Amino acid sequence: MIDYAEKRDFLRMPIDCELSFSETGSSKQYSGNVINLSSKGILFTSNQEFAPGAKLDITLTPSNSITPPMEASVVVMRVVNNEVMYEIACEIKEIKS
């Protein structure tokens, strides 16, 4: 029998929406697509690579206009190159709006 227990403190919710972001203190904007979101983290794809520890300011823009954009400060925890895009996993440090 397979006994699996979720070890995450917060479940990840799959989300398909656009994301814009920049390195903290920089005005250069990048874009990406959100894969999933939890109360403590976010996973998104981008064609831009960042090293673990990089600090980013993100703006998540839901596809439905009823939900307002979410702005947050995050820290890159992990980056995976899947040969097409980079998957960037971040810890959310502060939600701004």
PDB file of N, CA and C in Angstrom:
ATOM      1  N   MET A   1       0.834  -1.183   0.000  1.00  0.00           N
ATOM      2  CA  MET A   1       0.000   0.000   0.000  1.00  0.00           C
ATOM      3  C   MET A   1       0.879   1.248   0.000  1.00  0.00           C
ATOM      4  N   ILE A   2       0.522   2.208  -0.823  1.00  0.00           N
ATOM      5  CA  ILE A   2       1.256   3.462  -0.881  1.00  0.00           C
ATOM      6  C   ILE A   2       0.620   4.445   0.086  1.00  0.00           C
ATOM      7  N   ASP A   3       1.442   4.949   0.995  1.00  0.00           N
ATOM      8  CA  ASP A   3       0.960   5.906   1.977  1.00  0.00           C
ATOM      9  C   ASP A   3       1.652   7.234   1.701  1.00  0.00           C
ATOM     10  N   TYR A   4       0.902   8.192   1.151  1.00  0.00           N
ATOM     11  CA  TYR A   4       1.466   9.482   0.800  1.00  0.00           C
ATOM     12  C   TYR A   4       0.835  10.551   1.675  1.00  0.00           C
ATOM     13  N   ALA A   5       1.671  11.356   2.267  1.00  0.00           N
ATOM     14  CA  ALA A   5       1.177  12.487   3.057  1.00  0.00           C
ATOM     15  C   ALA A   5       1.803  13.763   2.509  1.00  0.00           C
ATOM     16  N   GLU A   6       0.991  14.740   2.229  1.00  0.00           N
ATOM     17  CA  GLU A   6       1.483  16.027   1.752  1.00  0.00           C
ATOM     18  C   GLU A   6       2.312  16.671   2.852  1.00  0.00           C
ATOM     19  N   LYS A   7       3.538  17.048   2.534  1.00  0.00           N
ATOM     20  CA  LYS A   7       4.434  17.610   3.538  1.00  0.00           C
ATOM     21  C   LYS A   7       4.481  19.134   3.502  1.00  0.00           C
ATOM     22  N   ARG A   8       3.810  19.739   2.548  1.00  0.00           N
ATOM     23  CA  ARG A   8       3.796  21.196   2.464  1.00  0.00           C
ATOM     24  C   ARG A   8       2.848  21.763   3.517  1.00  0.00           C
ATOM     25  N   ASP A   9       3.230  22.922   4.065  1.00  0.00           N
ATOM     26  CA  ASP A   9       2.355  23.601   5.015  1.00  0.00           C
ATOM     27  C   ASP A   9       1.143  24.214   4.318  1.00  0.00           C
ATOM     28  N   PHE A  10       1.333  24.633   3.051  1.00  0.00           N
ATOM     29  CA  PHE A  10       0.264  25.284   2.310  1.00  0.00           C
ATOM     30  C   PHE A  10       0.149  24.637   0.940  1.00  0.00           C
ATOM     31  N   LEU A  11      -1.051  24.274   0.550  1.00  0.00           N
ATOM     32  CA  LEU A  11      -1.270  23.650  -0.748  1.00  0.00           C
ATOM     33  C   LEU A  11      -1.048  24.646  -1.866  1.00  0.00           C
ATOM     34  N   ARG A  12      -0.567  24.139  -2.995  1.00  0.00           N
ATOM     35  CA  ARG A  12      -0.374  24.977  -4.171  1.00  0.00           C
ATOM     36  C   ARG A  12      -1.621  24.937  -5.029  1.00  0.00           C
ATOM     37  N   MET A  13      -2.022  26.104  -5.509  1.00  0.00           N
ATOM     38  CA  MET A  13      -3.185  26.207  -6.383  1.00  0.00           C
ATOM     39  C   MET A  13      -2.690  26.459  -7.803  1.00  0.00           C
ATOM     40  N   PRO A  14      -3.100  25.619  -8.767  1.00  0.00           N
ATOM     41  CA  PRO A  14      -2.691  25.885 -10.141  1.00  0.00           C
ATOM     42  C   PRO A  14      -3.346  27.171 -10.646  1.00  0.00           C
ATOM     43  N   ILE A  15      -2.552  28.001 -11.283  1.00  0.00           N
ATOM     44  CA  ILE A  15      -3.041  29.277 -11.799  1.00  0.00           C
ATOM     45  C   ILE A  15      -2.401  29.491 -13.168  1.00  0.00           C
ATOM     46  N   ASP A  16      -3.165  29.996 -14.091  1.00  0.00           N
ATOM     47  CA  ASP A  16      -2.642  30.291 -15.418  1.00  0.00           C
ATOM     48  C   ASP A  16      -2.883  31.765 -15.705  1.00  0.00           C
ATOM     49  N   CYS A  17      -1.881  32.588 -15.399  1.00  0.00           N
ATOM     50  CA  CYS A  17      -2.015  34.023 -15.670  1.00  0.00           C
ATOM     51  C   CYS A  17      -0.632  34.621 -15.907  1.00  0.00           C
ATOM     52  N   GLU A  18      -0.639  35.839 -16.390  1.00  0.00           N
ATOM     53  CA  GLU A  18       0.612  36.524 -16.691  1.00  0.00           C
ATOM     54  C   GLU A  18       1.216  37.147 -15.445  1.00  0.00           C
ATOM     55  N   LEU A  19       2.510  37.368 -15.531  1.00  0.00           N
ATOM     56  CA  LEU A  19       3.278  37.923 -14.427  1.00  0.00           C
ATOM     57  C   LEU A  19       4.298  38.887 -15.013  1.00  0.00           C
ATOM     58  N   SER A  20       4.454  40.040 -14.410  1.00  0.00           N
ATOM     59  CA  SER A  20       5.558  40.925 -14.770  1.00  0.00           C
ATOM     60  C   SER A  20       6.420  41.078 -13.520  1.00  0.00           C
ATOM     61  N   PHE A  21       7.716  41.244 -13.735  1.00  0.00           N
ATOM     62  CA  PHE A  21       8.600  41.315 -12.573  1.00  0.00           C
ATOM     63  C   PHE A  21       9.887  42.042 -12.930  1.00  0.00           C
ATOM     64  N   SER A  22      10.580  42.476 -11.888  1.00  0.00           N
ATOM     65  CA  SER A  22      11.879  43.117 -12.038  1.00  0.00           C
ATOM     66  C   SER A  22      12.722  42.760 -10.828  1.00  0.00           C
ATOM     67  N   GLU A  23      14.034  42.881 -10.980  1.00  0.00           N
ATOM     68  CA  GLU A  23      14.886  42.716  -9.809  1.00  0.00           C
ATOM     69  C   GLU A  23      14.658  43.929  -8.918  1.00  0.00           C
ATOM     70  N   THR A  24      14.634  43.704  -7.631  1.00  0.00           N
ATOM     71  CA  THR A  24      14.408  44.795  -6.689  1.00  0.00           C
ATOM     72  C   THR A  24      15.432  45.903  -6.923  1.00  0.00           C
ATOM     73  N   GLY A  25      14.942  47.124  -7.098  1.00  0.00           N
ATOM     74  CA  GLY A  25      15.802  48.273  -7.332  1.00  0.00           C
ATOM     75  C   GLY A  25      16.106  48.540  -8.794  1.00  0.00           C
ATOM     76  N   SER A  26      15.631  47.678  -9.694  1.00  0.00           N
ATOM     77  CA  SER A  26      15.871  47.859 -11.125  1.00  0.00           C
ATOM     78  C   SER A  26      14.571  48.250 -11.821  1.00  0.00           C
ATOM     79  N   SER A  27      14.690  48.994 -12.902  1.00  0.00           N
ATOM     80  CA  SER A  27      13.489  49.365 -13.652  1.00  0.00           C
ATOM     81  C   SER A  27      13.256  48.450 -14.853  1.00  0.00           C
ATOM     82  N   LYS A  28      14.194  47.541 -15.135  1.00  0.00           N
ATOM     83  CA  LYS A  28      14.050  46.631 -16.272  1.00  0.00           C
ATOM     84  C   LYS A  28      12.978  45.586 -15.972  1.00  0.00           C
ATOM     85  N   GLN A  29      11.960  45.525 -16.828  1.00  0.00           N
ATOM     86  CA  GLN A  29      10.817  44.633 -16.635  1.00  0.00           C
ATOM     87  C   GLN A  29      10.959  43.356 -17.453  1.00  0.00           C
ATOM     88  N   TYR A  30      10.537  42.242 -16.855  1.00  0.00           N
ATOM     89  CA  TYR A  30      10.502  40.947 -17.503  1.00  0.00           C
ATOM     90  C   TYR A  30       9.072  40.425 -17.414  1.00  0.00           C
ATOM     91  N   SER A  31       8.765  39.399 -18.199  1.00  0.00           N
ATOM     92  CA  SER A  31       7.429  38.810 -18.124  1.00  0.00           C
ATOM     93  C   SER A  31       7.539  37.301 -17.987  1.00  0.00           C
ATOM     94  N   GLY A  32       6.444  36.709 -17.538  1.00  0.00           N
ATOM     95  CA  GLY A  32       6.391  35.267 -17.358  1.00  0.00           C
ATOM     96  C   GLY A  32       4.957  34.805 -17.217  1.00  0.00           C
ATOM     97  N   ASN A  33       4.801  33.513 -16.957  1.00  0.00           N
ATOM     98  CA  ASN A  33       3.472  32.926 -16.747  1.00  0.00           C
ATOM     99  C   ASN A  33       3.483  32.126 -15.452  1.00  0.00           C
ATOM    100  N   VAL A  34       2.479  32.351 -14.627  1.00  0.00           N
ATOM    101  CA  VAL A  34       2.379  31.667 -13.342  1.00  0.00           C
ATOM    102  C   VAL A  34       1.917  30.229 -13.561  1.00  0.00           C
ATOM    103  N   ILE A  35       2.561  29.294 -12.864  1.00  0.00           N
ATOM    104  CA  ILE A  35       2.167  27.885 -12.883  1.00  0.00           C
ATOM    105  C   ILE A  35       1.313  27.576 -11.660  1.00  0.00           C
ATOM    106  N   ASN A  36       1.809  27.963 -10.477  1.00  0.00           N
ATOM    107  CA  ASN A  36       1.023  27.754  -9.262  1.00  0.00           C
ATOM    108  C   ASN A  36       1.412  28.764  -8.193  1.00  0.00           C
ATOM    109  N   LEU A  37       0.535  28.836  -7.183  1.00  0.00           N
ATOM    110  CA  LEU A  37       0.667  29.833  -6.131  1.00  0.00           C
ATOM    111  C   LEU A  37       0.206  29.234  -4.817  1.00  0.00           C
ATOM    112  N   SER A  38       0.917  29.554  -3.745  1.00  0.00           N
ATOM    113  CA  SER A  38       0.468  29.186  -2.402  1.00  0.00           C
ATOM    114  C   SER A  38       0.596  30.435  -1.538  1.00  0.00           C
ATOM    115  N   SER A  39       0.263  30.320  -0.273  1.00  0.00           N
ATOM    116  CA  SER A  39       0.334  31.503   0.581  1.00  0.00           C
ATOM    117  C   SER A  39       1.777  31.909   0.886  1.00  0.00           C
ATOM    118  N   LYS A  40       2.729  31.023   0.635  1.00  0.00           N
ATOM    119  CA  LYS A  40       4.133  31.314   0.923  1.00  0.00           C
ATOM    120  C   LYS A  40       5.033  31.308  -0.304  1.00  0.00           C
ATOM    121  N   GLY A  41       4.509  30.876  -1.471  1.00  0.00           N
ATOM    122  CA  GLY A  41       5.386  30.775  -2.625  1.00  0.00           C
ATOM    123  C   GLY A  41       4.673  30.858  -3.959  1.00  0.00           C
ATOM    124  N   ILE A  42       5.490  30.995  -5.005  1.00  0.00           N
ATOM    125  CA  ILE A  42       4.971  31.083  -6.362  1.00  0.00           C
ATOM    126  C   ILE A  42       5.958  30.372  -7.294  1.00  0.00           C
ATOM    127  N   LEU A  43       5.419  29.704  -8.304  1.00  0.00           N
ATOM    128  CA  LEU A  43       6.218  29.068  -9.338  1.00  0.00           C
ATOM    129  C   LEU A  43       5.776  29.641 -10.668  1.00  0.00           C
ATOM    130  N   PHE A  44       6.741  30.154 -11.451  1.00  0.00           N
ATOM    131  CA  PHE A  44       6.405  30.722 -12.753  1.00  0.00           C
ATOM    132  C   PHE A  44       7.493  30.402 -13.767  1.00  0.00           C
ATOM    133  N   THR A  45       7.159  30.595 -15.031  1.00  0.00           N
ATOM    134  CA  THR A  45       8.126  30.391 -16.102  1.00  0.00           C
ATOM    135  C   THR A  45       8.500  31.741 -16.703  1.00  0.00           C
ATOM    136  N   SER A  46       9.727  31.804 -17.215  1.00  0.00           N
ATOM    137  CA  SER A  46      10.212  33.010 -17.873  1.00  0.00           C
ATOM    138  C   SER A  46      11.373  32.625 -18.777  1.00  0.00           C
ATOM    139  N   ASN A  47      11.667  33.463 -19.748  1.00  0.00           N
ATOM    140  CA  ASN A  47      12.842  33.199 -20.567  1.00  0.00           C
ATOM    141  C   ASN A  47      14.086  33.854 -19.970  1.00  0.00           C
ATOM    142  N   GLN A  48      13.945  34.471 -18.797  1.00  0.00           N
ATOM    143  CA  GLN A  48      15.049  35.113 -18.093  1.00  0.00           C
ATOM    144  C   GLN A  48      15.460  34.261 -16.893  1.00  0.00           C
ATOM    145  N   GLU A  49      16.747  34.009 -16.745  1.00  0.00           N
ATOM    146  CA  GLU A  49      17.250  33.215 -15.623  1.00  0.00           C
ATOM    147  C   GLU A  49      17.705  34.132 -14.488  1.00  0.00           C
ATOM    148  N   PHE A  50      17.439  33.722 -13.254  1.00  0.00           N
ATOM    149  CA  PHE A  50      17.908  34.430 -12.070  1.00  0.00           C
ATOM    150  C   PHE A  50      18.534  33.413 -11.126  1.00  0.00           C
ATOM    151  N   ALA A  51      19.533  33.829 -10.392  1.00  0.00           N
ATOM    152  CA  ALA A  51      20.205  32.945  -9.448  1.00  0.00           C
ATOM    153  C   ALA A  51      19.393  32.843  -8.159  1.00  0.00           C
ATOM    154  N   PRO A  52      19.451  31.696  -7.479  1.00  0.00           N
ATOM    155  CA  PRO A  52      18.817  31.600  -6.171  1.00  0.00           C
ATOM    156  C   PRO A  52      19.340  32.712  -5.252  1.00  0.00           C
ATOM    157  N   GLY A  53      18.430  33.298  -4.501  1.00  0.00           N
ATOM    158  CA  GLY A  53      18.770  34.420  -3.627  1.00  0.00           C
ATOM    159  C   GLY A  53      18.438  35.771  -4.222  1.00  0.00           C
ATOM    160  N   ALA A  54      18.184  35.819  -5.544  1.00  0.00           N
ATOM    161  CA  ALA A  54      17.815  37.094  -6.178  1.00  0.00           C
ATOM    162  C   ALA A  54      16.495  37.586  -5.615  1.00  0.00           C
ATOM    163  N   LYS A  55      16.388  38.876  -5.422  1.00  0.00           N
ATOM    164  CA  LYS A  55      15.163  39.486  -4.905  1.00  0.00           C
ATOM    165  C   LYS A  55      14.416  40.117  -6.067  1.00  0.00           C
ATOM    166  N   LEU A  56      13.130  39.785  -6.182  1.00  0.00           N
ATOM    167  CA  LEU A  56      12.305  40.273  -7.279  1.00  0.00           C
ATOM    168  C   LEU A  56      11.060  40.965  -6.746  1.00  0.00           C
ATOM    169  N   ASP A  57      10.570  41.919  -7.506  1.00  0.00           N
ATOM    170  CA  ASP A  57       9.267  42.529  -7.258  1.00  0.00           C
ATOM    171  C   ASP A  57       8.358  42.037  -8.378  1.00  0.00           C
ATOM    172  N   ILE A  58       7.255  41.394  -8.017  1.00  0.00           N
ATOM    173  CA  ILE A  58       6.382  40.787  -9.014  1.00  0.00           C
ATOM    174  C   ILE A  58       5.003  41.437  -9.003  1.00  0.00           C
ATOM    175  N   THR A  59       4.351  41.392 -10.150  1.00  0.00           N
ATOM    176  CA  THR A  59       2.954  41.804 -10.270  1.00  0.00           C
ATOM    177  C   THR A  59       2.233  40.703 -11.024  1.00  0.00           C
ATOM    178  N   LEU A  60       1.343  40.035 -10.350  1.00  0.00           N
ATOM    179  CA  LEU A  60       0.545  38.952 -10.923  1.00  0.00           C
ATOM    180  C   LEU A  60      -0.771  39.554 -11.386  1.00  0.00           C
ATOM    181  N   THR A  61      -1.088  39.379 -12.667  1.00  0.00           N
ATOM    182  CA  THR A  61      -2.295  39.970 -13.234  1.00  0.00           C
ATOM    183  C   THR A  61      -3.281  38.880 -13.624  1.00  0.00           C
ATOM    184  N   PRO A  62      -4.335  38.665 -12.834  1.00  0.00           N
ATOM    185  CA  PRO A  62      -5.336  37.642 -13.161  1.00  0.00           C
ATOM    186  C   PRO A  62      -6.020  37.927 -14.494  1.00  0.00           C
ATOM    187  N   SER A  63      -6.439  36.879 -15.166  1.00  0.00           N
ATOM    188  CA  SER A  63      -7.088  37.041 -16.469  1.00  0.00           C
ATOM    189  C   SER A  63      -8.501  37.600 -16.330  1.00  0.00           C
ATOM    190  N   ASN A  64      -9.098  37.464 -15.162  1.00  0.00           N
ATOM    191  CA  ASN A  64     -10.447  38.004 -14.983  1.00  0.00           C
ATOM    192  C   ASN A  64     -10.342  39.353 -14.279  1.00  0.00           C
ATOM    193  N   SER A  65     -11.046  40.329 -14.781  1.00  0.00           N
ATOM    194  CA  SER A  65     -10.916  41.703 -14.292  1.00  0.00           C
ATOM    195  C   SER A  65     -11.549  41.928 -12.920  1.00  0.00           C
ATOM    196  N   ILE A  66     -12.261  40.955 -12.404  1.00  0.00           N
ATOM    197  CA  ILE A  66     -12.880  41.085 -11.081  1.00  0.00           C
ATOM    198  C   ILE A  66     -11.823  41.029  -9.984  1.00  0.00           C
ATOM    199  N   THR A  67     -10.772  40.224 -10.200  1.00  0.00           N
ATOM    200  CA  THR A  67      -9.710  40.060  -9.221  1.00  0.00           C
ATOM    201  C   THR A  67      -8.612  41.085  -9.487  1.00  0.00           C
ATOM    202  N   PRO A  68      -8.248  41.880  -8.477  1.00  0.00           N
ATOM    203  CA  PRO A  68      -7.203  42.883  -8.691  1.00  0.00           C
ATOM    204  C   PRO A  68      -5.814  42.236  -8.796  1.00  0.00           C
ATOM    205  N   PRO A  69      -4.856  42.932  -9.394  1.00  0.00           N
ATOM    206  CA  PRO A  69      -3.486  42.416  -9.464  1.00  0.00           C
ATOM    207  C   PRO A  69      -2.896  42.260  -8.067  1.00  0.00           C
ATOM    208  N   MET A  70      -1.939  41.350  -7.935  1.00  0.00           N
ATOM    209  CA  MET A  70      -1.236  41.151  -6.669  1.00  0.00           C
ATOM    210  C   MET A  70       0.212  41.581  -6.865  1.00  0.00           C
ATOM    211  N   GLU A  71       0.681  42.455  -6.008  1.00  0.00           N
ATOM    212  CA  GLU A  71       2.079  42.872  -6.033  1.00  0.00           C
ATOM    213  C   GLU A  71       2.767  42.292  -4.809  1.00  0.00           C
ATOM    214  N   ALA A  72       3.985  41.758  -5.013  1.00  0.00           N
ATOM    215  CA  ALA A  72       4.692  41.124  -3.902  1.00  0.00           C
ATOM    216  C   ALA A  72       6.198  41.215  -4.099  1.00  0.00           C
ATOM    217  N   SER A  73       6.913  41.101  -2.985  1.00  0.00           N
ATOM    218  CA  SER A  73       8.367  40.954  -2.996  1.00  0.00           C
ATOM    219  C   SER A  73       8.660  39.486  -2.750  1.00  0.00           C
ATOM    220  N   VAL A  74       9.537  38.909  -3.579  1.00  0.00           N
ATOM    221  CA  VAL A  74       9.856  37.487  -3.473  1.00  0.00           C
ATOM    222  C   VAL A  74      11.365  37.280  -3.523  1.00  0.00           C
ATOM    223  N   VAL A  75      11.793  36.095  -3.094  1.00  0.00           N
ATOM    224  CA  VAL A  75      13.191  35.688  -3.194  1.00  0.00           C
ATOM    225  C   VAL A  75      13.230  34.386  -3.984  1.00  0.00           C
ATOM    226  N   VAL A  76      14.100  34.338  -4.989  1.00  0.00           N
ATOM    227  CA  VAL A  76      14.248  33.133  -5.809  1.00  0.00           C
ATOM    228  C   VAL A  76      14.870  32.024  -4.966  1.00  0.00           C
ATOM    229  N   MET A  77      14.202  30.873  -4.946  1.00  0.00           N
ATOM    230  CA  MET A  77      14.679  29.725  -4.186  1.00  0.00           C
ATOM    231  C   MET A  77      15.316  28.659  -5.088  1.00  0.00           C
ATOM    232  N   ARG A  78      14.738  28.510  -6.295  1.00  0.00           N
ATOM    233  CA  ARG A  78      15.189  27.437  -7.192  1.00  0.00           C
ATOM    234  C   ARG A  78      14.887  27.834  -8.627  1.00  0.00           C
ATOM    235  N   VAL A  79      15.793  27.479  -9.541  1.00  0.00           N
ATOM    236  CA  VAL A  79      15.585  27.730 -10.969  1.00  0.00           C
ATOM    237  C   VAL A  79      15.904  26.443 -11.719  1.00  0.00           C
ATOM    238  N   VAL A  80      14.979  26.019 -12.592  1.00  0.00           N
ATOM    239  CA  VAL A  80      15.167  24.821 -13.400  1.00  0.00           C
ATOM    240  C   VAL A  80      15.067  25.217 -14.866  1.00  0.00           C
ATOM    241  N   ASN A  81      16.078  24.841 -15.649  1.00  0.00           N
ATOM    242  CA  ASN A  81      16.066  25.107 -17.083  1.00  0.00           C
ATOM    243  C   ASN A  81      15.460  23.893 -17.767  1.00  0.00           C
ATOM    244  N   ASN A  82      14.246  24.037 -18.328  1.00  0.00           N
ATOM    245  CA  ASN A  82      13.604  22.898 -18.989  1.00  0.00           C
ATOM    246  C   ASN A  82      13.815  22.936 -20.503  1.00  0.00           C
ATOM    247  N   GLU A  83      14.873  23.633 -20.931  1.00  0.00           N
ATOM    248  CA  GLU A  83      15.295  23.756 -22.332  1.00  0.00           C
ATOM    249  C   GLU A  83      14.405  24.660 -23.180  1.00  0.00           C
ATOM    250  N   VAL A  84      13.244  25.019 -22.713  1.00  0.00           N
ATOM    251  CA  VAL A  84      12.379  25.957 -23.420  1.00  0.00           C
ATOM    252  C   VAL A  84      12.288  27.259 -22.624  1.00  0.00           C
ATOM    253  N   MET A  85      12.045  27.127 -21.341  1.00  0.00           N
ATOM    254  CA  MET A  85      11.914  28.270 -20.436  1.00  0.00           C
ATOM    255  C   MET A  85      12.583  27.900 -19.115  1.00  0.00           C
ATOM    256  N   TYR A  86      12.724  28.888 -18.256  1.00  0.00           N
ATOM    257  CA  TYR A  86      13.188  28.654 -16.896  1.00  0.00           C
ATOM    258  C   TYR A  86      11.970  28.579 -15.984  1.00  0.00           C
ATOM    259  N   GLU A  87      11.939  27.571 -15.112  1.00  0.00           N
ATOM    260  CA  GLU A  87      10.920  27.503 -14.061  1.00  0.00           C
ATOM    261  C   GLU A  87      11.550  28.100 -12.814  1.00  0.00           C
ATOM    262  N   ILE A  88      10.924  29.153 -12.292  1.00  0.00           N
ATOM    263  CA  ILE A  88      11.479  29.891 -11.174  1.00  0.00           C
ATOM    264  C   ILE A  88      10.555  29.752  -9.965  1.00  0.00           C
ATOM    265  N   ALA A  89      11.089  29.155  -8.911  1.00  0.00           N
ATOM    266  CA  ALA A  89      10.330  28.974  -7.670  1.00  0.00           C
ATOM    267  C   ALA A  89      10.791  30.037  -6.674  1.00  0.00           C
ATOM    268  N   CYS A  90       9.830  30.758  -6.112  1.00  0.00           N
ATOM    269  CA  CYS A  90      10.151  31.865  -5.204  1.00  0.00           C
ATOM    270  C   CYS A  90       9.373  31.744  -3.895  1.00  0.00           C
ATOM    271  N   GLU A  91       9.980  32.258  -2.856  1.00  0.00           N
ATOM    272  CA  GLU A  91       9.301  32.410  -1.569  1.00  0.00           C
ATOM    273  C   GLU A  91       8.761  33.829  -1.504  1.00  0.00           C
ATOM    274  N   ILE A  92       7.492  33.953  -1.143  1.00  0.00           N
ATOM    275  CA  ILE A  92       6.878  35.278  -1.000  1.00  0.00           C
ATOM    276  C   ILE A  92       7.279  35.866   0.340  1.00  0.00           C
ATOM    277  N   LYS A  93       7.910  37.035   0.301  1.00  0.00           N
ATOM    278  CA  LYS A  93       8.351  37.705   1.532  1.00  0.00           C
ATOM    279  C   LYS A  93       7.343  38.737   2.012  1.00  0.00           C
ATOM    280  N   GLU A  94       6.697  39.451   1.042  1.00  0.00           N
ATOM    281  CA  GLU A  94       5.742  40.499   1.410  1.00  0.00           C
ATOM    282  C   GLU A  94       4.747  40.692   0.288  1.00  0.00           C
ATOM    283  N   ILE A  95       3.470  40.726   0.634  1.00  0.00           N
ATOM    284  CA  ILE A  95       2.427  41.062  -0.331  1.00  0.00           C
ATOM    285  C   ILE A  95       2.131  42.542  -0.161  1.00  0.00           C
ATOM    286  N   LYS A  96       2.242  43.297  -1.249  1.00  0.00           N
ATOM    287  CA  LYS A  96       2.115  44.758  -1.193  1.00  0.00           C
ATOM    288  C   LYS A  96       0.706  45.249  -1.426  1.00  0.00           C
ATOM    289  N   SER A  97      -0.096  44.490  -2.188  1.00  0.00           N
ATOM    290  CA  SER A  97      -1.471  44.949  -2.437  1.00  0.00           C
ATOM    291  C   SER A  97      -2.411  43.787  -2.518  1.00  0.00           C
TER     292      SER A  97
END
